[in-house]
Amino acid sequence: MPADPVETCQTLYFEDFEPGRNALSPRRTLTDADLVLFAGLTGDHSPQHTDDVHAAGTPFKRRIAHGALIFSIASGLSTRIFPSNPAMIALFGVDNLRFLRPVFVGDTIRASKEVVETEAKDVKRGIVRFRTTVSNQHDQVALTYEDLVLFARRPAPQKP
């Protein structure tokens, strides 16, 4: 797995992931429109996300992004690491999700992924456990989680 964003359509099978390998997504800047659209989509119009006057009276002194929005953006950034990978089958689960600091409008975030372990499920599929870390432009960690992703195993060579 490359150490930098992969912008190719390379197929990476279960066997291509080794514990300890790292990859880094492109960056993305959070906008006011992101908060407004996410609030509308989810119905979460909590004032710490949508009301400047209310947010000024909170410990953060300004509006913060929804935690679920940052997780969703991180998921999208992760797909930029493995674009159009036909061997990626599905997200199998998420463990140990932690929000460690707020993300604000104007912050630029990126996701880094480290392969923690791999587990063959059967002859056709395997699960790769990644430790995902989302950091802002100051390299401050805002979010961590482990995602389990189901990948196809490399097909056996065709016999002549």
N, C-alpha and C. Protein backbone atom coordinates (compact mmCIF):
# COMPACT_ATOMS: atom_id res chain seq x y z
N MET A 1 0.85 -1.18 0.00
CA MET A 1 0.00 0.00 0.00
C MET A 1 0.89 1.23 0.00
N PRO A 2 0.67 2.18 -0.90
CA PRO A 2 1.54 3.34 -1.01
C PRO A 2 1.44 4.25 0.22
N ALA A 3 2.47 5.07 0.44
CA ALA A 3 2.49 6.01 1.56
C ALA A 3 1.80 7.32 1.20
N ASP A 4 1.52 7.55 -0.05
CA ASP A 4 0.86 8.77 -0.50
C ASP A 4 -0.44 8.41 -1.19
N PRO A 5 -1.31 9.42 -1.40
CA PRO A 5 -2.58 9.11 -2.05
C PRO A 5 -2.39 8.38 -3.38
N VAL A 6 -3.23 7.43 -3.59
CA VAL A 6 -3.20 6.66 -4.83
C VAL A 6 -4.24 7.28 -5.76
N GLU A 7 -3.83 7.75 -6.88
CA GLU A 7 -4.77 8.35 -7.83
C GLU A 7 -4.90 7.48 -9.07
N THR A 8 -4.70 6.18 -8.90
CA THR A 8 -4.84 5.25 -10.01
C THR A 8 -6.02 4.34 -9.72
N CYS A 9 -6.32 3.51 -10.65
CA CYS A 9 -7.39 2.53 -10.47
C CYS A 9 -6.79 1.15 -10.24
N GLN A 10 -5.68 1.09 -9.54
CA GLN A 10 -5.00 -0.16 -9.27
C GLN A 10 -5.88 -1.04 -8.38
N THR A 11 -5.99 -2.31 -8.74
CA THR A 11 -6.74 -3.25 -7.92
C THR A 11 -5.83 -3.76 -6.81
N LEU A 12 -6.27 -3.54 -5.57
CA LEU A 12 -5.56 -4.04 -4.40
C LEU A 12 -6.42 -5.12 -3.76
N TYR A 13 -5.91 -6.34 -3.74
CA TYR A 13 -6.62 -7.46 -3.14
C TYR A 13 -6.26 -7.59 -1.67
N PHE A 14 -7.00 -8.41 -0.96
CA PHE A 14 -6.77 -8.67 0.46
C PHE A 14 -5.29 -8.95 0.73
N GLU A 15 -4.67 -9.75 -0.11
CA GLU A 15 -3.27 -10.15 0.10
C GLU A 15 -2.28 -9.00 -0.04
N ASP A 16 -2.70 -7.88 -0.62
CA ASP A 16 -1.81 -6.74 -0.83
C ASP A 16 -1.64 -5.87 0.41
N PHE A 17 -2.41 -6.14 1.45
CA PHE A 17 -2.37 -5.32 2.66
C PHE A 17 -1.56 -6.01 3.75
N GLU A 18 -0.51 -5.33 4.20
CA GLU A 18 0.36 -5.87 5.23
C GLU A 18 0.29 -4.98 6.46
N PRO A 19 0.18 -5.55 7.67
CA PRO A 19 0.16 -4.74 8.89
C PRO A 19 1.36 -3.78 8.93
N GLY A 20 1.07 -2.56 9.36
CA GLY A 20 2.11 -1.54 9.46
C GLY A 20 2.19 -0.61 8.26
N ARG A 21 1.58 -0.98 7.15
CA ARG A 21 1.61 -0.12 5.95
C ARG A 21 0.68 1.07 6.16
N ASN A 22 1.07 2.22 5.63
CA ASN A 22 0.32 3.47 5.80
C ASN A 22 -0.05 4.08 4.47
N ALA A 23 -1.12 4.87 4.49
CA ALA A 23 -1.52 5.65 3.32
C ALA A 23 -2.14 6.95 3.82
N LEU A 24 -2.07 7.98 3.00
CA LEU A 24 -2.54 9.31 3.37
C LEU A 24 -3.48 9.83 2.29
N SER A 25 -4.61 10.37 2.72
CA SER A 25 -5.59 10.89 1.76
C SER A 25 -5.20 12.30 1.31
N PRO A 26 -5.86 12.79 0.28
CA PRO A 26 -5.75 14.21 -0.04
C PRO A 26 -6.39 15.03 1.09
N ARG A 27 -6.19 16.34 1.04
CA ARG A 27 -6.79 17.25 2.03
C ARG A 27 -8.17 17.72 1.56
N ARG A 28 -8.96 18.18 2.55
CA ARG A 28 -10.27 18.76 2.24
C ARG A 28 -10.58 19.83 3.27
N THR A 29 -10.98 21.02 2.81
CA THR A 29 -11.33 22.12 3.71
C THR A 29 -12.83 22.10 3.99
N LEU A 30 -13.17 22.20 5.26
CA LEU A 30 -14.57 22.19 5.69
C LEU A 30 -15.17 23.58 5.46
N THR A 31 -16.36 23.62 4.86
CA THR A 31 -17.02 24.89 4.56
C THR A 31 -18.30 25.04 5.37
N ASP A 32 -18.80 26.27 5.41
CA ASP A 32 -20.08 26.53 6.06
C ASP A 32 -21.19 25.72 5.38
N ALA A 33 -21.11 25.62 4.07
CA ALA A 33 -22.12 24.85 3.33
C ALA A 33 -22.14 23.39 3.79
N ASP A 34 -20.97 22.83 4.14
CA ASP A 34 -20.94 21.45 4.63
C ASP A 34 -21.82 21.30 5.87
N LEU A 35 -21.69 22.23 6.82
CA LEU A 35 -22.47 22.15 8.06
C LEU A 35 -23.96 22.33 7.77
N VAL A 36 -24.29 23.31 6.95
CA VAL A 36 -25.70 23.59 6.63
C VAL A 36 -26.33 22.40 5.91
N LEU A 37 -25.65 21.87 4.91
CA LEU A 37 -26.20 20.74 4.16
C LEU A 37 -26.32 19.49 5.02
N PHE A 38 -25.33 19.24 5.88
CA PHE A 38 -25.39 18.06 6.74
C PHE A 38 -26.52 18.20 7.75
N ALA A 39 -26.72 19.39 8.30
CA ALA A 39 -27.83 19.61 9.23
C ALA A 39 -29.16 19.35 8.52
N GLY A 40 -29.29 19.84 7.30
CA GLY A 40 -30.52 19.61 6.55
C GLY A 40 -30.73 18.16 6.19
N LEU A 41 -29.67 17.48 5.83
CA LEU A 41 -29.76 16.07 5.45
C LEU A 41 -30.15 15.19 6.64
N THR A 42 -29.53 15.44 7.79
CA THR A 42 -29.73 14.56 8.95
C THR A 42 -30.83 15.04 9.89
N GLY A 43 -31.19 16.31 9.81
CA GLY A 43 -32.14 16.87 10.75
C GLY A 43 -31.50 17.32 12.05
N ASP A 44 -30.17 17.23 12.14
CA ASP A 44 -29.45 17.65 13.35
C ASP A 44 -29.12 19.13 13.24
N HIS A 45 -30.04 19.95 13.74
CA HIS A 45 -29.87 21.40 13.71
C HIS A 45 -29.44 21.91 15.08
N SER A 46 -28.70 21.11 15.83
CA SER A 46 -28.23 21.51 17.16
C SER A 46 -27.50 22.85 17.07
N PRO A 47 -27.75 23.75 18.02
CA PRO A 47 -27.21 25.11 17.89
C PRO A 47 -25.68 25.20 17.92
N GLN A 48 -25.00 24.21 18.48
CA GLN A 48 -23.53 24.28 18.45
C GLN A 48 -23.00 24.12 17.03
N HIS A 49 -23.87 23.65 16.11
CA HIS A 49 -23.48 23.48 14.71
C HIS A 49 -24.07 24.56 13.80
N THR A 50 -25.17 25.17 14.21
CA THR A 50 -25.93 26.01 13.28
C THR A 50 -26.17 27.45 13.74
N ASP A 51 -25.84 27.79 14.98
CA ASP A 51 -26.20 29.10 15.54
C ASP A 51 -24.94 29.80 16.05
N ASP A 52 -24.50 30.83 15.33
CA ASP A 52 -23.29 31.56 15.72
C ASP A 52 -23.40 32.19 17.10
N VAL A 53 -24.56 32.76 17.43
CA VAL A 53 -24.74 33.42 18.73
C VAL A 53 -24.65 32.40 19.86
N HIS A 54 -25.36 31.29 19.71
CA HIS A 54 -25.28 30.23 20.72
C HIS A 54 -23.85 29.71 20.85
N ALA A 55 -23.22 29.43 19.72
CA ALA A 55 -21.88 28.84 19.73
C ALA A 55 -20.86 29.76 20.40
N ALA A 56 -21.05 31.08 20.30
CA ALA A 56 -20.13 32.02 20.93
C ALA A 56 -20.09 31.85 22.45
N GLY A 57 -21.17 31.33 23.03
CA GLY A 57 -21.23 31.11 24.47
C GLY A 57 -20.77 29.73 24.91
N THR A 58 -20.28 28.92 23.99
CA THR A 58 -19.81 27.57 24.33
C THR A 58 -18.30 27.60 24.59
N PRO A 59 -17.75 26.54 25.15
CA PRO A 59 -16.30 26.51 25.37
C PRO A 59 -15.47 26.67 24.10
N PHE A 60 -16.04 26.35 22.94
CA PHE A 60 -15.29 26.45 21.68
C PHE A 60 -15.41 27.83 21.04
N LYS A 61 -16.34 28.65 21.49
CA LYS A 61 -16.50 30.05 21.07
C LYS A 61 -16.97 30.24 19.63
N ARG A 62 -17.19 29.15 18.93
CA ARG A 62 -17.70 29.23 17.56
C ARG A 62 -18.33 27.88 17.21
N ARG A 63 -19.01 27.86 16.07
CA ARG A 63 -19.69 26.62 15.67
C ARG A 63 -18.68 25.51 15.40
N ILE A 64 -19.07 24.30 15.77
CA ILE A 64 -18.25 23.12 15.49
C ILE A 64 -18.98 22.24 14.49
N ALA A 65 -18.21 21.47 13.76
CA ALA A 65 -18.79 20.52 12.80
C ALA A 65 -19.40 19.35 13.56
N HIS A 66 -20.44 18.78 12.99
CA HIS A 66 -21.02 17.55 13.52
C HIS A 66 -19.94 16.46 13.50
N GLY A 67 -19.84 15.69 14.57
CA GLY A 67 -18.90 14.58 14.58
C GLY A 67 -19.19 13.59 13.46
N ALA A 68 -20.48 13.33 13.24
CA ALA A 68 -20.86 12.38 12.18
C ALA A 68 -20.48 12.92 10.80
N LEU A 69 -20.48 14.24 10.65
CA LEU A 69 -20.05 14.83 9.37
C LEU A 69 -18.56 14.57 9.15
N ILE A 70 -17.76 14.76 10.18
CA ILE A 70 -16.32 14.54 10.03
C ILE A 70 -16.03 13.07 9.75
N PHE A 71 -16.76 12.18 10.43
CA PHE A 71 -16.60 10.75 10.14
C PHE A 71 -16.97 10.46 8.68
N SER A 72 -18.06 11.05 8.20
CA SER A 72 -18.50 10.84 6.82
C SER A 72 -17.47 11.37 5.82
N ILE A 73 -16.93 12.55 6.10
CA ILE A 73 -15.91 13.10 5.20
C ILE A 73 -14.67 12.20 5.21
N ALA A 74 -14.29 11.71 6.39
CA ALA A 74 -13.14 10.80 6.48
C ALA A 74 -13.37 9.55 5.65
N SER A 75 -14.59 9.05 5.68
CA SER A 75 -14.92 7.88 4.87
C SER A 75 -14.75 8.19 3.39
N GLY A 76 -15.21 9.36 2.99
CA GLY A 76 -15.04 9.78 1.60
C GLY A 76 -13.59 9.98 1.22
N LEU A 77 -12.81 10.58 2.12
CA LEU A 77 -11.38 10.75 1.85
C LEU A 77 -10.69 9.41 1.71
N SER A 78 -11.15 8.43 2.48
CA SER A 78 -10.56 7.09 2.40
C SER A 78 -10.76 6.48 1.02
N THR A 79 -11.89 6.78 0.39
CA THR A 79 -12.11 6.24 -0.95
C THR A 79 -11.17 6.86 -1.97
N ARG A 80 -10.61 8.02 -1.63
CA ARG A 80 -9.62 8.65 -2.53
C ARG A 80 -8.28 7.93 -2.44
N ILE A 81 -8.05 7.21 -1.34
CA ILE A 81 -6.81 6.43 -1.21
C ILE A 81 -6.88 5.20 -2.11
N PHE A 82 -8.06 4.61 -2.20
CA PHE A 82 -8.26 3.39 -2.99
C PHE A 82 -9.35 3.63 -4.04
N PRO A 83 -9.14 4.54 -4.99
CA PRO A 83 -10.21 4.86 -5.92
C PRO A 83 -10.53 3.70 -6.87
N SER A 84 -11.80 3.49 -7.08
CA SER A 84 -12.27 2.51 -8.05
C SER A 84 -11.60 1.15 -7.90
N ASN A 85 -11.43 0.71 -6.66
CA ASN A 85 -10.80 -0.59 -6.42
C ASN A 85 -11.88 -1.67 -6.48
N PRO A 86 -11.93 -2.44 -7.55
CA PRO A 86 -12.98 -3.45 -7.68
C PRO A 86 -12.87 -4.57 -6.66
N ALA A 87 -11.73 -4.70 -5.98
CA ALA A 87 -11.58 -5.76 -4.97
C ALA A 87 -12.16 -5.35 -3.62
N MET A 88 -12.47 -4.06 -3.44
CA MET A 88 -13.09 -3.60 -2.20
C MET A 88 -14.57 -3.92 -2.26
N ILE A 89 -15.05 -4.74 -1.32
CA ILE A 89 -16.43 -5.21 -1.37
C ILE A 89 -17.35 -4.33 -0.54
N ALA A 90 -17.00 -4.09 0.74
CA ALA A 90 -17.91 -3.36 1.62
C ALA A 90 -17.22 -2.98 2.92
N LEU A 91 -17.77 -1.95 3.56
CA LEU A 91 -17.38 -1.63 4.93
C LEU A 91 -18.03 -2.68 5.82
N PHE A 92 -17.23 -3.36 6.61
CA PHE A 92 -17.70 -4.47 7.45
C PHE A 92 -18.06 -3.99 8.85
N GLY A 93 -17.40 -2.92 9.32
CA GLY A 93 -17.69 -2.39 10.65
C GLY A 93 -16.74 -1.29 11.04
N VAL A 94 -17.08 -0.62 12.16
CA VAL A 94 -16.26 0.45 12.71
C VAL A 94 -16.14 0.21 14.21
N ASP A 95 -14.93 0.27 14.74
CA ASP A 95 -14.67 0.09 16.16
C ASP A 95 -13.91 1.30 16.70
N ASN A 96 -14.06 1.51 18.00
CA ASN A 96 -13.24 2.48 18.74
C ASN A 96 -13.27 3.90 18.16
N LEU A 97 -14.45 4.36 17.78
CA LEU A 97 -14.61 5.71 17.23
C LEU A 97 -14.49 6.72 18.36
N ARG A 98 -13.57 7.69 18.21
CA ARG A 98 -13.35 8.71 19.23
C ARG A 98 -13.19 10.08 18.57
N PHE A 99 -13.95 11.06 19.10
CA PHE A 99 -13.83 12.45 18.67
C PHE A 99 -12.93 13.15 19.68
N LEU A 100 -11.75 13.57 19.28
CA LEU A 100 -10.73 14.06 20.21
C LEU A 100 -10.62 15.57 20.27
N ARG A 101 -11.06 16.26 19.23
CA ARG A 101 -11.06 17.72 19.23
C ARG A 101 -12.05 18.18 18.16
N PRO A 102 -12.58 19.38 18.33
CA PRO A 102 -13.55 19.86 17.35
C PRO A 102 -12.89 20.23 16.02
N VAL A 103 -13.71 20.18 15.00
CA VAL A 103 -13.31 20.66 13.67
C VAL A 103 -14.21 21.85 13.36
N PHE A 104 -13.61 22.92 12.85
CA PHE A 104 -14.32 24.16 12.59
C PHE A 104 -14.38 24.45 11.09
N VAL A 105 -15.34 25.29 10.70
CA VAL A 105 -15.38 25.78 9.33
C VAL A 105 -14.04 26.44 9.04
N GLY A 106 -13.46 26.11 7.90
CA GLY A 106 -12.16 26.63 7.51
C GLY A 106 -11.01 25.69 7.82
N ASP A 107 -11.23 24.70 8.69
CA ASP A 107 -10.19 23.71 8.95
C ASP A 107 -10.01 22.82 7.72
N THR A 108 -8.79 22.41 7.50
CA THR A 108 -8.47 21.49 6.41
C THR A 108 -8.05 20.17 7.03
N ILE A 109 -8.75 19.11 6.67
CA ILE A 109 -8.49 17.81 7.28
C ILE A 109 -8.02 16.81 6.23
N ARG A 110 -7.40 15.76 6.73
CA ARG A 110 -7.03 14.63 5.88
C ARG A 110 -7.06 13.39 6.75
N ALA A 111 -7.16 12.24 6.10
CA ALA A 111 -7.20 10.96 6.81
C ALA A 111 -5.93 10.18 6.52
N SER A 112 -5.39 9.58 7.56
CA SER A 112 -4.30 8.63 7.36
C SER A 112 -4.81 7.27 7.78
N LYS A 113 -4.37 6.25 7.08
CA LYS A 113 -4.81 4.89 7.36
C LYS A 113 -3.60 4.00 7.55
N GLU A 114 -3.64 3.19 8.59
CA GLU A 114 -2.60 2.20 8.85
C GLU A 114 -3.25 0.83 8.91
N VAL A 115 -2.69 -0.13 8.22
CA VAL A 115 -3.18 -1.50 8.30
C VAL A 115 -2.78 -2.05 9.66
N VAL A 116 -3.79 -2.46 10.45
CA VAL A 116 -3.54 -3.01 11.78
C VAL A 116 -3.43 -4.53 11.72
N GLU A 117 -4.38 -5.15 11.02
CA GLU A 117 -4.35 -6.61 10.89
C GLU A 117 -5.20 -7.04 9.71
N THR A 118 -4.99 -8.27 9.30
CA THR A 118 -5.79 -8.86 8.23
C THR A 118 -6.30 -10.21 8.71
N GLU A 119 -7.49 -10.55 8.24
CA GLU A 119 -8.10 -11.83 8.64
C GLU A 119 -8.81 -12.43 7.43
N ALA A 120 -8.32 -13.57 6.98
CA ALA A 120 -8.97 -14.27 5.88
C ALA A 120 -10.30 -14.82 6.38
N LYS A 121 -11.38 -14.55 5.65
CA LYS A 121 -12.70 -15.07 6.03
C LYS A 121 -12.97 -16.41 5.36
N ASP A 122 -12.58 -16.53 4.12
CA ASP A 122 -12.75 -17.76 3.36
C ASP A 122 -11.82 -17.67 2.14
N VAL A 123 -11.98 -18.55 1.19
CA VAL A 123 -11.07 -18.55 0.04
C VAL A 123 -11.30 -17.36 -0.90
N LYS A 124 -12.43 -16.67 -0.75
CA LYS A 124 -12.76 -15.58 -1.67
C LYS A 124 -12.65 -14.19 -1.04
N ARG A 125 -12.66 -14.10 0.31
CA ARG A 125 -12.74 -12.78 0.95
C ARG A 125 -11.87 -12.72 2.20
N GLY A 126 -11.50 -11.49 2.56
CA GLY A 126 -10.78 -11.26 3.80
C GLY A 126 -11.07 -9.87 4.32
N ILE A 127 -10.86 -9.68 5.62
CA ILE A 127 -11.12 -8.38 6.26
C ILE A 127 -9.79 -7.72 6.59
N VAL A 128 -9.68 -6.46 6.21
CA VAL A 128 -8.52 -5.64 6.57
C VAL A 128 -8.99 -4.64 7.62
N ARG A 129 -8.29 -4.62 8.77
CA ARG A 129 -8.58 -3.65 9.83
C ARG A 129 -7.59 -2.50 9.68
N PHE A 130 -8.14 -1.29 9.49
CA PHE A 130 -7.33 -0.08 9.39
C PHE A 130 -7.50 0.75 10.66
N ARG A 131 -6.45 1.41 11.10
CA ARG A 131 -6.56 2.47 12.10
C ARG A 131 -6.57 3.77 11.31
N THR A 132 -7.67 4.50 11.40
CA THR A 132 -7.82 5.74 10.66
C THR A 132 -7.70 6.91 11.62
N THR A 133 -6.90 7.89 11.23
CA THR A 133 -6.69 9.09 12.03
C THR A 133 -7.00 10.29 11.16
N VAL A 134 -7.86 11.18 11.66
CA VAL A 134 -8.20 12.40 10.94
C VAL A 134 -7.54 13.56 11.67
N SER A 135 -6.72 14.32 10.94
CA SER A 135 -5.98 15.44 11.53
C SER A 135 -6.31 16.72 10.78
N ASN A 136 -6.15 17.85 11.49
CA ASN A 136 -6.38 19.14 10.86
C ASN A 136 -5.08 19.69 10.27
N GLN A 137 -5.14 20.92 9.79
CA GLN A 137 -3.99 21.53 9.12
C GLN A 137 -2.81 21.76 10.05
N HIS A 138 -3.03 21.66 11.37
CA HIS A 138 -1.95 21.81 12.35
C HIS A 138 -1.45 20.45 12.84
N ASP A 139 -1.85 19.39 12.15
CA ASP A 139 -1.52 18.01 12.54
C ASP A 139 -2.06 17.64 13.91
N GLN A 140 -3.15 18.28 14.32
CA GLN A 140 -3.83 17.94 15.56
C GLN A 140 -4.88 16.88 15.24
N VAL A 141 -4.89 15.81 16.00
CA VAL A 141 -5.81 14.69 15.73
C VAL A 141 -7.20 15.06 16.22
N ALA A 142 -8.17 14.98 15.32
CA ALA A 142 -9.56 15.29 15.64
C ALA A 142 -10.41 14.04 15.83
N LEU A 143 -10.07 12.97 15.15
CA LEU A 143 -10.91 11.77 15.14
C LEU A 143 -10.04 10.56 14.89
N THR A 144 -10.34 9.48 15.61
CA THR A 144 -9.68 8.20 15.35
C THR A 144 -10.74 7.11 15.35
N TYR A 145 -10.51 6.09 14.57
CA TYR A 145 -11.37 4.91 14.58
C TYR A 145 -10.67 3.78 13.86
N GLU A 146 -11.19 2.59 14.05
CA GLU A 146 -10.72 1.43 13.29
C GLU A 146 -11.86 0.99 12.39
N ASP A 147 -11.56 0.89 11.11
CA ASP A 147 -12.58 0.43 10.17
C ASP A 147 -12.14 -0.91 9.61
N LEU A 148 -13.12 -1.79 9.50
CA LEU A 148 -12.91 -3.12 8.97
C LEU A 148 -13.53 -3.16 7.58
N VAL A 149 -12.71 -3.48 6.59
CA VAL A 149 -13.16 -3.43 5.20
C VAL A 149 -13.00 -4.82 4.59
N LEU A 150 -14.06 -5.26 3.93
CA LEU A 150 -14.06 -6.57 3.28
C LEU A 150 -13.49 -6.42 1.87
N PHE A 151 -12.46 -7.22 1.57
CA PHE A 151 -11.82 -7.22 0.26
C PHE A 151 -11.89 -8.61 -0.35
N ALA A 152 -11.91 -8.64 -1.67
CA ALA A 152 -11.79 -9.92 -2.39
C ALA A 152 -10.35 -10.40 -2.28
N ARG A 153 -10.21 -11.72 -2.24
CA ARG A 153 -8.87 -12.30 -2.27
C ARG A 153 -8.43 -12.43 -3.73
N ARG A 154 -7.13 -12.47 -3.92
CA ARG A 154 -6.58 -12.57 -5.27
C ARG A 154 -7.04 -13.89 -5.90
N PRO A 155 -7.58 -13.84 -7.11
CA PRO A 155 -8.02 -15.08 -7.76
C PRO A 155 -6.84 -16.02 -8.01
N ALA A 156 -7.11 -17.28 -7.92
CA ALA A 156 -6.08 -18.29 -8.22
C ALA A 156 -5.74 -18.21 -9.70
N PRO A 157 -4.48 -18.45 -10.05
CA PRO A 157 -4.11 -18.44 -11.47
C PRO A 157 -4.89 -19.50 -12.24
N GLN A 158 -5.25 -19.16 -13.45
CA GLN A 158 -5.97 -20.09 -14.31
C GLN A 158 -5.03 -21.21 -14.75
N LYS A 159 -5.49 -22.44 -14.67
CA LYS A 159 -4.69 -23.58 -15.13
C LYS A 159 -4.93 -23.77 -16.62
N PRO A 160 -3.83 -24.03 -17.36
CA PRO A 160 -3.98 -24.20 -18.82
C PRO A 160 -4.72 -25.46 -19.18
